[in-house]
Amino acid sequence: MNGAVVHLAIPQKDVFTDEQQPPTASVLVQTNPGRTLTPEQVQAVVHLVASSIDGLDRLDGVQRTADQLSVQAATGELQNIHDYTIAATQAAVTTQVTVAVRNKAVEAFTEIMRMQV
């Protein structure tokens, strides 16, 4: 494999809207002349990228909840401040886990790129 490019389209979060576009990804792989990826290698890349996007969706949901609760806290509508504290902590931990998973995905993708095709 000569190289690969991963494009992630991660929509900007907006606290004031209920509808958000989901994140998407595309992968462009440049193989050596006359070589192609096997179906198993293609599935490995698809699985890797899909898993990463699923993680981003979960992260987005947790962060959106924390954002909504912070607005409620600021406007005085939140009955229990502990709900916001828990949601904010959950968002921070989910972000840390997502970054760790992303780093592992990058390592796995690097290994796939090193494979002979």
PDB file of N, CA and C in Angstrom:
ATOM      1  N   MET A   1       0.848  -1.159   0.000  1.00  0.00           N
ATOM      2  CA  MET A   1       0.000   0.000   0.000  1.00  0.00           C
ATOM      3  C   MET A   1       0.901   1.232   0.000  1.00  0.00           C
ATOM      4  N   ASN A   2       0.590   2.164  -0.871  1.00  0.00           N
ATOM      5  CA  ASN A   2       1.382   3.390  -0.941  1.00  0.00           C
ATOM      6  C   ASN A   2       0.928   4.449   0.050  1.00  0.00           C
ATOM      7  N   GLY A   3      -0.343   4.434   0.387  1.00  0.00           N
ATOM      8  CA  GLY A   3      -0.828   5.438   1.328  1.00  0.00           C
ATOM      9  C   GLY A   3      -2.321   5.362   1.498  1.00  0.00           C
ATOM     10  N   ALA A   4      -2.799   6.111   2.444  1.00  0.00           N
ATOM     11  CA  ALA A   4      -4.236   6.170   2.712  1.00  0.00           C
ATOM     12  C   ALA A   4      -4.570   7.526   3.315  1.00  0.00           C
ATOM     13  N   VAL A   5      -5.781   7.969   3.032  1.00  0.00           N
ATOM     14  CA  VAL A   5      -6.271   9.228   3.578  1.00  0.00           C
ATOM     15  C   VAL A   5      -7.643   8.953   4.186  1.00  0.00           C
ATOM     16  N   VAL A   6      -7.846   9.425   5.390  1.00  0.00           N
ATOM     17  CA  VAL A   6      -9.137   9.293   6.057  1.00  0.00           C
ATOM     18  C   VAL A   6      -9.721  10.688   6.212  1.00  0.00           C
ATOM     19  N   HIS A   7     -10.940  10.854   5.726  1.00  0.00           N
ATOM     20  CA  HIS A   7     -11.648  12.129   5.872  1.00  0.00           C
ATOM     21  C   HIS A   7     -12.798  11.926   6.841  1.00  0.00           C
ATOM     22  N   LEU A   8     -12.799  12.696   7.919  1.00  0.00           N
ATOM     23  CA  LEU A   8     -13.893  12.672   8.884  1.00  0.00           C
ATOM     24  C   LEU A   8     -14.683  13.959   8.746  1.00  0.00           C
ATOM     25  N   ALA A   9     -15.983  13.837   8.657  1.00  0.00           N
ATOM     26  CA  ALA A   9     -16.865  15.002   8.645  1.00  0.00           C
ATOM     27  C   ALA A   9     -17.625  14.982   9.959  1.00  0.00           C
ATOM     28  N   ILE A  10     -17.180  15.813  10.885  1.00  0.00           N
ATOM     29  CA  ILE A  10     -17.793  15.864  12.208  1.00  0.00           C
ATOM     30  C   ILE A  10     -18.507  17.206  12.324  1.00  0.00           C
ATOM     31  N   PRO A  11     -19.847  17.171  12.295  1.00  0.00           N
ATOM     32  CA  PRO A  11     -20.600  18.428  12.347  1.00  0.00           C
ATOM     33  C   PRO A  11     -20.351  19.177  13.645  1.00  0.00           C
ATOM     34  N   GLN A  12     -20.404  20.477  13.544  1.00  0.00           N
ATOM     35  CA  GLN A  12     -20.210  21.311  14.721  1.00  0.00           C
ATOM     36  C   GLN A  12     -21.414  21.166  15.645  1.00  0.00           C
ATOM     37  N   LYS A  13     -21.139  21.033  16.938  1.00  0.00           N
ATOM     38  CA  LYS A  13     -22.215  20.927  17.918  1.00  0.00           C
ATOM     39  C   LYS A  13     -22.902  22.270  18.068  1.00  0.00           C
ATOM     40  N   ASP A  14     -24.216  22.209  18.235  1.00  0.00           N
ATOM     41  CA  ASP A  14     -24.996  23.407  18.493  1.00  0.00           C
ATOM     42  C   ASP A  14     -25.936  23.113  19.646  1.00  0.00           C
ATOM     43  N   VAL A  15     -25.716  23.766  20.753  1.00  0.00           N
ATOM     44  CA  VAL A  15     -26.500  23.525  21.960  1.00  0.00           C
ATOM     45  C   VAL A  15     -27.958  23.920  21.758  1.00  0.00           C
ATOM     46  N   PHE A  16     -28.213  24.828  20.849  1.00  0.00           N
ATOM     47  CA  PHE A  16     -29.544  25.403  20.725  1.00  0.00           C
ATOM     48  C   PHE A  16     -30.434  24.723  19.685  1.00  0.00           C
ATOM     49  N   THR A  17     -29.967  23.633  19.078  1.00  0.00           N
ATOM     50  CA  THR A  17     -30.808  22.897  18.135  1.00  0.00           C
ATOM     51  C   THR A  17     -30.915  21.445  18.572  1.00  0.00           C
ATOM     52  N   ASP A  18     -32.059  20.848  18.271  1.00  0.00           N
ATOM     53  CA  ASP A  18     -32.267  19.448  18.616  1.00  0.00           C
ATOM     54  C   ASP A  18     -31.731  18.512  17.545  1.00  0.00           C
ATOM     55  N   GLU A  19     -31.736  18.948  16.298  1.00  0.00           N
ATOM     56  CA  GLU A  19     -31.302  18.092  15.198  1.00  0.00           C
ATOM     57  C   GLU A  19     -29.832  18.346  14.877  1.00  0.00           C
ATOM     58  N   GLN A  20     -29.083  17.277  14.865  1.00  0.00           N
ATOM     59  CA  GLN A  20     -27.656  17.353  14.536  1.00  0.00           C
ATOM     60  C   GLN A  20     -27.389  16.356  13.415  1.00  0.00           C
ATOM     61  N   GLN A  21     -26.498  16.696  12.527  1.00  0.00           N
ATOM     62  CA  GLN A  21     -26.089  15.766  11.479  1.00  0.00           C
ATOM     63  C   GLN A  21     -25.127  14.752  12.091  1.00  0.00           C
ATOM     64  N   PRO A  22     -25.230  13.480  11.701  1.00  0.00           N
ATOM     65  CA  PRO A  22     -24.299  12.479  12.247  1.00  0.00           C
ATOM     66  C   PRO A  22     -22.917  12.622  11.613  1.00  0.00           C
ATOM     67  N   PRO A  23     -21.875  12.227  12.321  1.00  0.00           N
ATOM     68  CA  PRO A  23     -20.540  12.253  11.732  1.00  0.00           C
ATOM     69  C   PRO A  23     -20.425  11.185  10.647  1.00  0.00           C
ATOM     70  N   THR A  24     -19.604  11.459   9.642  1.00  0.00           N
ATOM     71  CA  THR A  24     -19.369  10.500   8.560  1.00  0.00           C
ATOM     72  C   THR A  24     -17.867  10.415   8.296  1.00  0.00           C
ATOM     73  N   ALA A  25     -17.477   9.372   7.566  1.00  0.00           N
ATOM     74  CA  ALA A  25     -16.063   9.191   7.236  1.00  0.00           C
ATOM     75  C   ALA A  25     -15.938   8.565   5.857  1.00  0.00           C
ATOM     76  N   SER A  26     -14.820   8.851   5.207  1.00  0.00           N
ATOM     77  CA  SER A  26     -14.480   8.178   3.956  1.00  0.00           C
ATOM     78  C   SER A  26     -12.989   7.872   3.987  1.00  0.00           C
ATOM     79  N   VAL A  27     -12.616   6.779   3.325  1.00  0.00           N
ATOM     80  CA  VAL A  27     -11.231   6.340   3.299  1.00  0.00           C
ATOM     81  C   VAL A  27     -10.805   6.164   1.846  1.00  0.00           C
ATOM     82  N   LEU A  28      -9.695   6.774   1.497  1.00  0.00           N
ATOM     83  CA  LEU A  28      -9.102   6.597   0.172  1.00  0.00           C
ATOM     84  C   LEU A  28      -7.785   5.854   0.351  1.00  0.00           C
ATOM     85  N   VAL A  29      -7.659   4.731  -0.345  1.00  0.00           N
ATOM     86  CA  VAL A  29      -6.467   3.901  -0.216  1.00  0.00           C
ATOM     87  C   VAL A  29      -5.762   3.846  -1.565  1.00  0.00           C
ATOM     88  N   GLN A  30      -4.463   4.124  -1.555  1.00  0.00           N
ATOM     89  CA  GLN A  30      -3.665   4.012  -2.776  1.00  0.00           C
ATOM     90  C   GLN A  30      -2.796   2.761  -2.654  1.00  0.00           C
ATOM     91  N   THR A  31      -3.066   1.796  -3.518  1.00  0.00           N
ATOM     92  CA  THR A  31      -2.311   0.549  -3.486  1.00  0.00           C
ATOM     93  C   THR A  31      -1.136   0.633  -4.449  1.00  0.00           C
ATOM     94  N   ASN A  32      -0.247  -0.325  -4.347  1.00  0.00           N
ATOM     95  CA  ASN A  32       0.862  -0.418  -5.283  1.00  0.00           C
ATOM     96  C   ASN A  32       0.310  -0.742  -6.670  1.00  0.00           C
ATOM     97  N   PRO A  33       0.984  -0.322  -7.731  1.00  0.00           N
ATOM     98  CA  PRO A  33       0.494  -0.597  -9.087  1.00  0.00           C
ATOM     99  C   PRO A  33       0.238  -2.099  -9.293  1.00  0.00           C
ATOM    100  N   GLY A  34      -0.944  -2.395  -9.850  1.00  0.00           N
ATOM    101  CA  GLY A  34      -1.290  -3.772 -10.140  1.00  0.00           C
ATOM    102  C   GLY A  34      -1.803  -4.563  -8.944  1.00  0.00           C
ATOM    103  N   ARG A  35      -1.921  -3.946  -7.798  1.00  0.00           N
ATOM    104  CA  ARG A  35      -2.378  -4.632  -6.578  1.00  0.00           C
ATOM    105  C   ARG A  35      -3.735  -4.087  -6.161  1.00  0.00           C
ATOM    106  N   THR A  36      -4.498  -4.927  -5.489  1.00  0.00           N
ATOM    107  CA  THR A  36      -5.784  -4.507  -4.922  1.00  0.00           C
ATOM    108  C   THR A  36      -5.900  -5.063  -3.505  1.00  0.00           C
ATOM    109  N   LEU A  37      -6.784  -4.461  -2.742  1.00  0.00           N
ATOM    110  CA  LEU A  37      -7.050  -4.962  -1.405  1.00  0.00           C
ATOM    111  C   LEU A  37      -7.936  -6.204  -1.500  1.00  0.00           C
ATOM    112  N   THR A  38      -7.700  -7.144  -0.624  1.00  0.00           N
ATOM    113  CA  THR A  38      -8.565  -8.325  -0.559  1.00  0.00           C
ATOM    114  C   THR A  38      -9.878  -7.917   0.091  1.00  0.00           C
ATOM    115  N   PRO A  39     -10.947  -8.692  -0.119  1.00  0.00           N
ATOM    116  CA  PRO A  39     -12.214  -8.372   0.559  1.00  0.00           C
ATOM    117  C   PRO A  39     -12.065  -8.330   2.078  1.00  0.00           C
ATOM    118  N   GLU A  40     -11.215  -9.180   2.628  1.00  0.00           N
ATOM    119  CA  GLU A  40     -11.004  -9.177   4.080  1.00  0.00           C
ATOM    120  C   GLU A  40     -10.357  -7.875   4.542  1.00  0.00           C
ATOM    121  N   GLN A  41      -9.410  -7.373   3.759  1.00  0.00           N
ATOM    122  CA  GLN A  41      -8.760  -6.115   4.126  1.00  0.00           C
ATOM    123  C   GLN A  41      -9.732  -4.947   4.018  1.00  0.00           C
ATOM    124  N   VAL A  42     -10.576  -4.964   2.993  1.00  0.00           N
ATOM    125  CA  VAL A  42     -11.583  -3.915   2.850  1.00  0.00           C
ATOM    126  C   VAL A  42     -12.536  -3.951   4.046  1.00  0.00           C
ATOM    127  N   GLN A  43     -12.982  -5.151   4.439  1.00  0.00           N
ATOM    128  CA  GLN A  43     -13.876  -5.276   5.581  1.00  0.00           C
ATOM    129  C   GLN A  43     -13.205  -4.805   6.871  1.00  0.00           C
ATOM    130  N   ALA A  44     -11.917  -5.059   7.004  1.00  0.00           N
ATOM    131  CA  ALA A  44     -11.188  -4.603   8.192  1.00  0.00           C
ATOM    132  C   ALA A  44     -11.197  -3.081   8.272  1.00  0.00           C
ATOM    133  N   VAL A  45     -10.972  -2.419   7.141  1.00  0.00           N
ATOM    134  CA  VAL A  45     -10.982  -0.955   7.118  1.00  0.00           C
ATOM    135  C   VAL A  45     -12.390  -0.436   7.396  1.00  0.00           C
ATOM    136  N   VAL A  46     -13.401  -1.051   6.772  1.00  0.00           N
ATOM    137  CA  VAL A  46     -14.789  -0.633   6.991  1.00  0.00           C
ATOM    138  C   VAL A  46     -15.154  -0.776   8.463  1.00  0.00           C
ATOM    139  N   HIS A  47     -14.814  -1.907   9.060  1.00  0.00           N
ATOM    140  CA  HIS A  47     -15.127  -2.136  10.473  1.00  0.00           C
ATOM    141  C   HIS A  47     -14.423  -1.119  11.367  1.00  0.00           C
ATOM    142  N   LEU A  48     -13.171  -0.846  11.072  1.00  0.00           N
ATOM    143  CA  LEU A  48     -12.391   0.096  11.862  1.00  0.00           C
ATOM    144  C   LEU A  48     -13.018   1.483  11.821  1.00  0.00           C
ATOM    145  N   VAL A  49     -13.357   1.944  10.638  1.00  0.00           N
ATOM    146  CA  VAL A  49     -13.933   3.279  10.496  1.00  0.00           C
ATOM    147  C   VAL A  49     -15.330   3.330  11.105  1.00  0.00           C
ATOM    148  N   ALA A  50     -16.144   2.296  10.856  1.00  0.00           N
ATOM    149  CA  ALA A  50     -17.506   2.274  11.406  1.00  0.00           C
ATOM    150  C   ALA A  50     -17.481   2.274  12.931  1.00  0.00           C
ATOM    151  N   SER A  51     -16.565   1.528  13.519  1.00  0.00           N
ATOM    152  CA  SER A  51     -16.455   1.501  14.975  1.00  0.00           C
ATOM    153  C   SER A  51     -16.089   2.874  15.521  1.00  0.00           C
ATOM    154  N   SER A  52     -15.222   3.557  14.820  1.00  0.00           N
ATOM    155  CA  SER A  52     -14.822   4.897  15.252  1.00  0.00           C
ATOM    156  C   SER A  52     -15.991   5.862  15.184  1.00  0.00           C
ATOM    157  N   ILE A  53     -16.776   5.783  14.123  1.00  0.00           N
ATOM    158  CA  ILE A  53     -17.925   6.674  13.968  1.00  0.00           C
ATOM    159  C   ILE A  53     -18.969   6.381  15.031  1.00  0.00           C
ATOM    160  N   ASP A  54     -19.225   5.097  15.342  1.00  0.00           N
ATOM    161  CA  ASP A  54     -20.172   4.753  16.402  1.00  0.00           C
ATOM    162  C   ASP A  54     -19.746   5.383  17.726  1.00  0.00           C
ATOM    163  N   GLY A  55     -18.456   5.338  18.004  1.00  0.00           N
ATOM    164  CA  GLY A  55     -17.943   5.954  19.225  1.00  0.00           C
ATOM    165  C   GLY A  55     -18.170   7.454  19.241  1.00  0.00           C
ATOM    166  N   LEU A  56     -18.034   8.075  18.080  1.00  0.00           N
ATOM    167  CA  LEU A  56     -18.273   9.516  17.990  1.00  0.00           C
ATOM    168  C   LEU A  56     -19.746   9.831  18.217  1.00  0.00           C
ATOM    169  N   ASP A  57     -20.639   8.970  17.721  1.00  0.00           N
ATOM    170  CA  ASP A  57     -22.069   9.187  17.950  1.00  0.00           C
ATOM    171  C   ASP A  57     -22.400   9.133  19.435  1.00  0.00           C
ATOM    172  N   ARG A  58     -21.845   8.147  20.137  1.00  0.00           N
ATOM    173  CA  ARG A  58     -22.098   8.034  21.579  1.00  0.00           C
ATOM    174  C   ARG A  58     -21.551   9.255  22.311  1.00  0.00           C
ATOM    175  N   LEU A  59     -20.349   9.661  21.938  1.00  0.00           N
ATOM    176  CA  LEU A  59     -19.740  10.833  22.561  1.00  0.00           C
ATOM    177  C   LEU A  59     -20.594  12.068  22.327  1.00  0.00           C
ATOM    178  N   ASP A  60     -21.089  12.223  21.119  1.00  0.00           N
ATOM    179  CA  ASP A  60     -21.915  13.375  20.786  1.00  0.00           C
ATOM    180  C   ASP A  60     -23.173  13.401  21.644  1.00  0.00           C
ATOM    181  N   GLY A  61     -23.803  12.248  21.848  1.00  0.00           N
ATOM    182  CA  GLY A  61     -25.015  12.181  22.660  1.00  0.00           C
ATOM    183  C   GLY A  61     -24.757  12.551  24.110  1.00  0.00           C
ATOM    184  N   VAL A  62     -23.664  12.045  24.664  1.00  0.00           N
ATOM    185  CA  VAL A  62     -23.322  12.341  26.060  1.00  0.00           C
ATOM    186  C   VAL A  62     -23.002  13.824  26.223  1.00  0.00           C
ATOM    187  N   GLN A  63     -22.268  14.377  25.269  1.00  0.00           N
ATOM    188  CA  GLN A  63     -21.928  15.795  25.358  1.00  0.00           C
ATOM    189  C   GLN A  63     -23.166  16.673  25.176  1.00  0.00           C
ATOM    190  N   ARG A  64     -24.063  16.245  24.302  1.00  0.00           N
ATOM    191  CA  ARG A  64     -25.288  17.016  24.090  1.00  0.00           C
ATOM    192  C   ARG A  64     -26.120  17.059  25.376  1.00  0.00           C
ATOM    193  N   THR A  65     -26.204  15.915  26.076  1.00  0.00           N
ATOM    194  CA  THR A  65     -26.942  15.869  27.340  1.00  0.00           C
ATOM    195  C   THR A  65     -26.323  16.824  28.360  1.00  0.00           C
ATOM    196  N   ALA A  66     -25.002  16.785  28.481  1.00  0.00           N
ATOM    197  CA  ALA A  66     -24.319  17.685  29.423  1.00  0.00           C
ATOM    198  C   ALA A  66     -24.545  19.147  29.042  1.00  0.00           C
ATOM    199  N   ASP A  67     -24.517  19.440  27.744  1.00  0.00           N
ATOM    200  CA  ASP A  67     -24.756  20.813  27.286  1.00  0.00           C
ATOM    201  C   ASP A  67     -26.169  21.275  27.630  1.00  0.00           C
ATOM    202  N   GLN A  68     -27.150  20.404  27.409  1.00  0.00           N
ATOM    203  CA  GLN A  68     -28.539  20.765  27.710  1.00  0.00           C
ATOM    204  C   GLN A  68     -28.730  21.009  29.204  1.00  0.00           C
ATOM    205  N   LEU A  69     -28.120  20.161  30.015  1.00  0.00           N
ATOM    206  CA  LEU A  69     -28.242  20.342  31.465  1.00  0.00           C
ATOM    207  C   LEU A  69     -27.531  21.611  31.927  1.00  0.00           C
ATOM    208  N   SER A  70     -26.422  21.967  31.262  1.00  0.00           N
ATOM    209  CA  SER A  70     -25.728  23.203  31.652  1.00  0.00           C
ATOM    210  C   SER A  70     -26.582  24.425  31.334  1.00  0.00           C
ATOM    211  N   VAL A  71     -27.294  24.380  30.219  1.00  0.00           N
ATOM    212  CA  VAL A  71     -28.203  25.483  29.886  1.00  0.00           C
ATOM    213  C   VAL A  71     -29.325  25.553  30.919  1.00  0.00           C
ATOM    214  N   GLN A  72     -29.868  24.394  31.287  1.00  0.00           N
ATOM    215  CA  GLN A  72     -30.924  24.376  32.307  1.00  0.00           C
ATOM    216  C   GLN A  72     -30.407  24.906  33.646  1.00  0.00           C
ATOM    217  N   ALA A  73     -29.167  24.572  33.986  1.00  0.00           N
ATOM    218  CA  ALA A  73     -28.589  25.076  35.239  1.00  0.00           C
ATOM    219  C   ALA A  73     -28.422  26.588  35.180  1.00  0.00           C
ATOM    220  N   ALA A  74     -27.987  27.087  34.035  1.00  0.00           N
ATOM    221  CA  ALA A  74     -27.763  28.528  33.892  1.00  0.00           C
ATOM    222  C   ALA A  74     -29.063  29.318  33.920  1.00  0.00           C
ATOM    223  N   THR A  75     -30.147  28.717  33.432  1.00  0.00           N
ATOM    224  CA  THR A  75     -31.433  29.424  33.409  1.00  0.00           C
ATOM    225  C   THR A  75     -32.269  29.176  34.653  1.00  0.00           C
ATOM    226  N   GLY A  76     -31.783  28.328  35.560  1.00  0.00           N
ATOM    227  CA  GLY A  76     -32.500  28.043  36.792  1.00  0.00           C
ATOM    228  C   GLY A  76     -33.566  26.980  36.648  1.00  0.00           C
ATOM    229  N   GLU A  77     -33.633  26.315  35.508  1.00  0.00           N
ATOM    230  CA  GLU A  77     -34.650  25.286  35.279  1.00  0.00           C
ATOM    231  C   GLU A  77     -34.244  23.926  35.823  1.00  0.00           C
ATOM    232  N   LEU A  78     -32.988  23.733  36.146  1.00  0.00           N
ATOM    233  CA  LEU A  78     -32.506  22.430  36.609  1.00  0.00           C
ATOM    234  C   LEU A  78     -32.830  22.270  38.090  1.00  0.00           C
ATOM    235  N   GLN A  79     -33.535  21.199  38.402  1.00  0.00           N
ATOM    236  CA  GLN A  79     -33.940  20.952  39.786  1.00  0.00           C
ATOM    237  C   GLN A  79     -32.802  20.419  40.648  1.00  0.00           C
ATOM    238  N   ASN A  80     -31.938  19.590  40.045  1.00  0.00           N
ATOM    239  CA  ASN A  80     -30.878  18.942  40.810  1.00  0.00           C
ATOM    240  C   ASN A  80     -29.537  19.175  40.118  1.00  0.00           C
ATOM    241  N   ILE A  81     -28.693  19.988  40.691  1.00  0.00           N
ATOM    242  CA  ILE A  81     -27.402  20.322  40.095  1.00  0.00           C
ATOM    243  C   ILE A  81     -26.507  19.091  39.943  1.00  0.00           C
ATOM    244  N   HIS A  82     -26.784  18.068  40.754  1.00  0.00           N
ATOM    245  CA  HIS A  82     -25.996  16.838  40.667  1.00  0.00           C
ATOM    246  C   HIS A  82     -26.183  16.150  39.318  1.00  0.00           C
ATOM    247  N   ASP A  83     -27.361  16.319  38.708  1.00  0.00           N
ATOM    248  CA  ASP A  83     -27.587  15.743  37.381  1.00  0.00           C
ATOM    249  C   ASP A  83     -26.586  16.314  36.381  1.00  0.00           C
ATOM    250  N   TYR A  84     -26.367  17.641  36.462  1.00  0.00           N
ATOM    251  CA  TYR A  84     -25.392  18.254  35.558  1.00  0.00           C
ATOM    252  C   TYR A  84     -23.978  17.789  35.877  1.00  0.00           C
ATOM    253  N   THR A  85     -23.648  17.718  37.154  1.00  0.00           N
ATOM    254  CA  THR A  85     -22.305  17.295  37.548  1.00  0.00           C
ATOM    255  C   THR A  85     -22.007  15.895  37.044  1.00  0.00           C
ATOM    256  N   ILE A  86     -22.968  15.000  37.184  1.00  0.00           N
ATOM    257  CA  ILE A  86     -22.794  13.628  36.707  1.00  0.00           C
ATOM    258  C   ILE A  86     -22.666  13.598  35.183  1.00  0.00           C
ATOM    259  N   ALA A  87     -23.514  14.348  34.489  1.00  0.00           N
ATOM    260  CA  ALA A  87     -23.474  14.368  33.023  1.00  0.00           C
ATOM    261  C   ALA A  87     -22.153  14.957  32.509  1.00  0.00           C
ATOM    262  N   ALA A  88     -21.674  16.014  33.162  1.00  0.00           N
ATOM    263  CA  ALA A  88     -20.411  16.623  32.745  1.00  0.00           C
ATOM    264  C   ALA A  88     -19.245  15.669  32.968  1.00  0.00           C
ATOM    265  N   THR A  89     -19.259  14.962  34.090  1.00  0.00           N
ATOM    266  CA  THR A  89     -18.209  13.975  34.360  1.00  0.00           C
ATOM    267  C   THR A  89     -18.279  12.834  33.358  1.00  0.00           C
ATOM    268  N   GLN A  90     -19.476  12.381  33.068  1.00  0.00           N
ATOM    269  CA  GLN A  90     -19.648  11.310  32.086  1.00  0.00           C
ATOM    270  C   GLN A  90     -19.150  11.763  30.713  1.00  0.00           C
ATOM    271  N   ALA A  91     -19.420  12.995  30.336  1.00  0.00           N
ATOM    272  CA  ALA A  91     -18.941  13.520  29.052  1.00  0.00           C
ATOM    273  C   ALA A  91     -17.419  13.566  29.016  1.00  0.00           C
ATOM    274  N   ALA A  92     -16.809  13.976  30.115  1.00  0.00           N
ATOM    275  CA  ALA A  92     -15.341  14.047  30.160  1.00  0.00           C
ATOM    276  C   ALA A  92     -14.717  12.659  30.073  1.00  0.00           C
ATOM    277  N   VAL A  93     -15.274  11.697  30.803  1.00  0.00           N
ATOM    278  CA  VAL A  93     -14.742  10.335  30.774  1.00  0.00           C
ATOM    279  C   VAL A  93     -14.963   9.705  29.398  1.00  0.00           C
ATOM    280  N   THR A  94     -16.134   9.928  28.815  1.00  0.00           N
ATOM    281  CA  THR A  94     -16.421   9.390  27.485  1.00  0.00           C
ATOM    282  C   THR A  94     -15.466   9.985  26.454  1.00  0.00           C
ATOM    283  N   THR A  95     -15.145  11.250  26.594  1.00  0.00           N
ATOM    284  CA  THR A  95     -14.176  11.878  25.686  1.00  0.00           C
ATOM    285  C   THR A  95     -12.815  11.208  25.820  1.00  0.00           C
ATOM    286  N   GLN A  96     -12.379  10.968  27.042  1.00  0.00           N
ATOM    287  CA  GLN A  96     -11.089  10.317  27.258  1.00  0.00           C
ATOM    288  C   GLN A  96     -11.065   8.912  26.659  1.00  0.00           C
ATOM    289  N   VAL A  97     -12.139   8.158  26.853  1.00  0.00           N
ATOM    290  CA  VAL A  97     -12.209   6.803  26.306  1.00  0.00           C
ATOM    291  C   VAL A  97     -12.236   6.847  24.785  1.00  0.00           C
ATOM    292  N   THR A  98     -12.988   7.779  24.215  1.00  0.00           N
ATOM    293  CA  THR A  98     -13.064   7.901  22.756  1.00  0.00           C
ATOM    294  C   THR A  98     -11.703   8.238  22.162  1.00  0.00           C
ATOM    295  N   VAL A  99     -10.964   9.105  22.805  1.00  0.00           N
ATOM    296  CA  VAL A  99      -9.620   9.447  22.328  1.00  0.00           C
ATOM    297  C   VAL A  99      -8.704   8.226  22.400  1.00  0.00           C
ATOM    298  N   ALA A 100      -8.811   7.451  23.479  1.00  0.00           N
ATOM    299  CA  ALA A 100      -7.989   6.240  23.599  1.00  0.00           C
ATOM    300  C   ALA A 100      -8.342   5.228  22.517  1.00  0.00           C
ATOM    301  N   VAL A 101      -9.641   5.058  22.249  1.00  0.00           N
ATOM    302  CA  VAL A 101     -10.070   4.139  21.192  1.00  0.00           C
ATOM    303  C   VAL A 101      -9.606   4.646  19.829  1.00  0.00           C
ATOM    304  N   ARG A 102      -9.704   5.946  19.621  1.00  0.00           N
ATOM    305  CA  ARG A 102      -9.238   6.538  18.368  1.00  0.00           C
ATOM    306  C   ARG A 102      -7.758   6.261  18.163  1.00  0.00           C
ATOM    307  N   ASN A 103      -6.969   6.413  19.220  1.00  0.00           N
ATOM    308  CA  ASN A 103      -5.533   6.150  19.109  1.00  0.00           C
ATOM    309  C   ASN A 103      -5.266   4.701  18.748  1.00  0.00           C
ATOM    310  N   LYS A 104      -6.026   3.778  19.343  1.00  0.00           N
ATOM    311  CA  LYS A 104      -5.883   2.360  18.996  1.00  0.00           C
ATOM    312  C   LYS A 104      -6.301   2.114  17.553  1.00  0.00           C
ATOM    313  N   ALA A 105      -7.346   2.792  17.094  1.00  0.00           N
ATOM    314  CA  ALA A 105      -7.798   2.639  15.713  1.00  0.00           C
ATOM    315  C   ALA A 105      -6.734   3.134  14.741  1.00  0.00           C
ATOM    316  N   VAL A 106      -6.095   4.237  15.075  1.00  0.00           N
ATOM    317  CA  VAL A 106      -5.018   4.746  14.220  1.00  0.00           C
ATOM    318  C   VAL A 106      -3.869   3.745  14.165  1.00  0.00           C
ATOM    319  N   GLU A 107      -3.531   3.152  15.310  1.00  0.00           N
ATOM    320  CA  GLU A 107      -2.476   2.130  15.326  1.00  0.00           C
ATOM    321  C   GLU A 107      -2.863   0.938  14.452  1.00  0.00           C
ATOM    322  N   ALA A 108      -4.116   0.496  14.557  1.00  0.00           N
ATOM    323  CA  ALA A 108      -4.578  -0.643  13.757  1.00  0.00           C
ATOM    324  C   ALA A 108      -4.569  -0.296  12.276  1.00  0.00           C
ATOM    325  N   PHE A 109      -4.998   0.912  11.943  1.00  0.00           N
ATOM    326  CA  PHE A 109      -5.002   1.330  10.550  1.00  0.00           C
ATOM    327  C   PHE A 109      -3.576   1.391  10.007  1.00  0.00           C
ATOM    328  N   THR A 110      -2.643   1.848  10.826  1.00  0.00           N
ATOM    329  CA  THR A 110      -1.230   1.881  10.426  1.00  0.00           C
ATOM    330  C   THR A 110      -0.738   0.467  10.135  1.00  0.00           C
ATOM    331  N   GLU A 111      -1.142  -0.477  10.966  1.00  0.00           N
ATOM    332  CA  GLU A 111      -0.759  -1.871  10.724  1.00  0.00           C
ATOM    333  C   GLU A 111      -1.352  -2.399   9.431  1.00  0.00           C
ATOM    334  N   ILE A 112      -2.612  -2.036   9.148  1.00  0.00           N
ATOM    335  CA  ILE A 112      -3.233  -2.463   7.899  1.00  0.00           C
ATOM    336  C   ILE A 112      -2.481  -1.888   6.721  1.00  0.00           C
ATOM    337  N   MET A 113      -2.047  -0.637   6.836  1.00  0.00           N
ATOM    338  CA  MET A 113      -1.287  -0.013   5.745  1.00  0.00           C
ATOM    339  C   MET A 113       0.031  -0.717   5.506  1.00  0.00           C
ATOM    340  N   ARG A 114       0.612  -1.301   6.530  1.00  0.00           N
ATOM    341  CA  ARG A 114       1.895  -1.993   6.389  1.00  0.00           C
ATOM    342  C   ARG A 114       1.750  -3.367   5.743  1.00  0.00           C
ATOM    343  N   MET A 115       0.512  -3.880   5.680  1.00  0.00           N
ATOM    344  CA  MET A 115       0.293  -5.206   5.110  1.00  0.00           C
ATOM    345  C   MET A 115       0.663  -5.218   3.622  1.00  0.00           C
ATOM    346  N   GLN A 116       1.214  -6.310   3.187  1.00  0.00           N
ATOM    347  CA  GLN A 116       1.542  -6.461   1.787  1.00  0.00           C
ATOM    348  C   GLN A 116       0.268  -6.804   1.008  1.00  0.00           C
ATOM    349  N   VAL A 117       0.015  -6.040  -0.037  1.00  0.00           N
ATOM    350  CA  VAL A 117      -1.133  -6.348  -0.909  1.00  0.00           C
ATOM    351  C   VAL A 117      -0.667  -6.584  -2.312  1.00  0.00           C
TER     352      VAL A 117
END
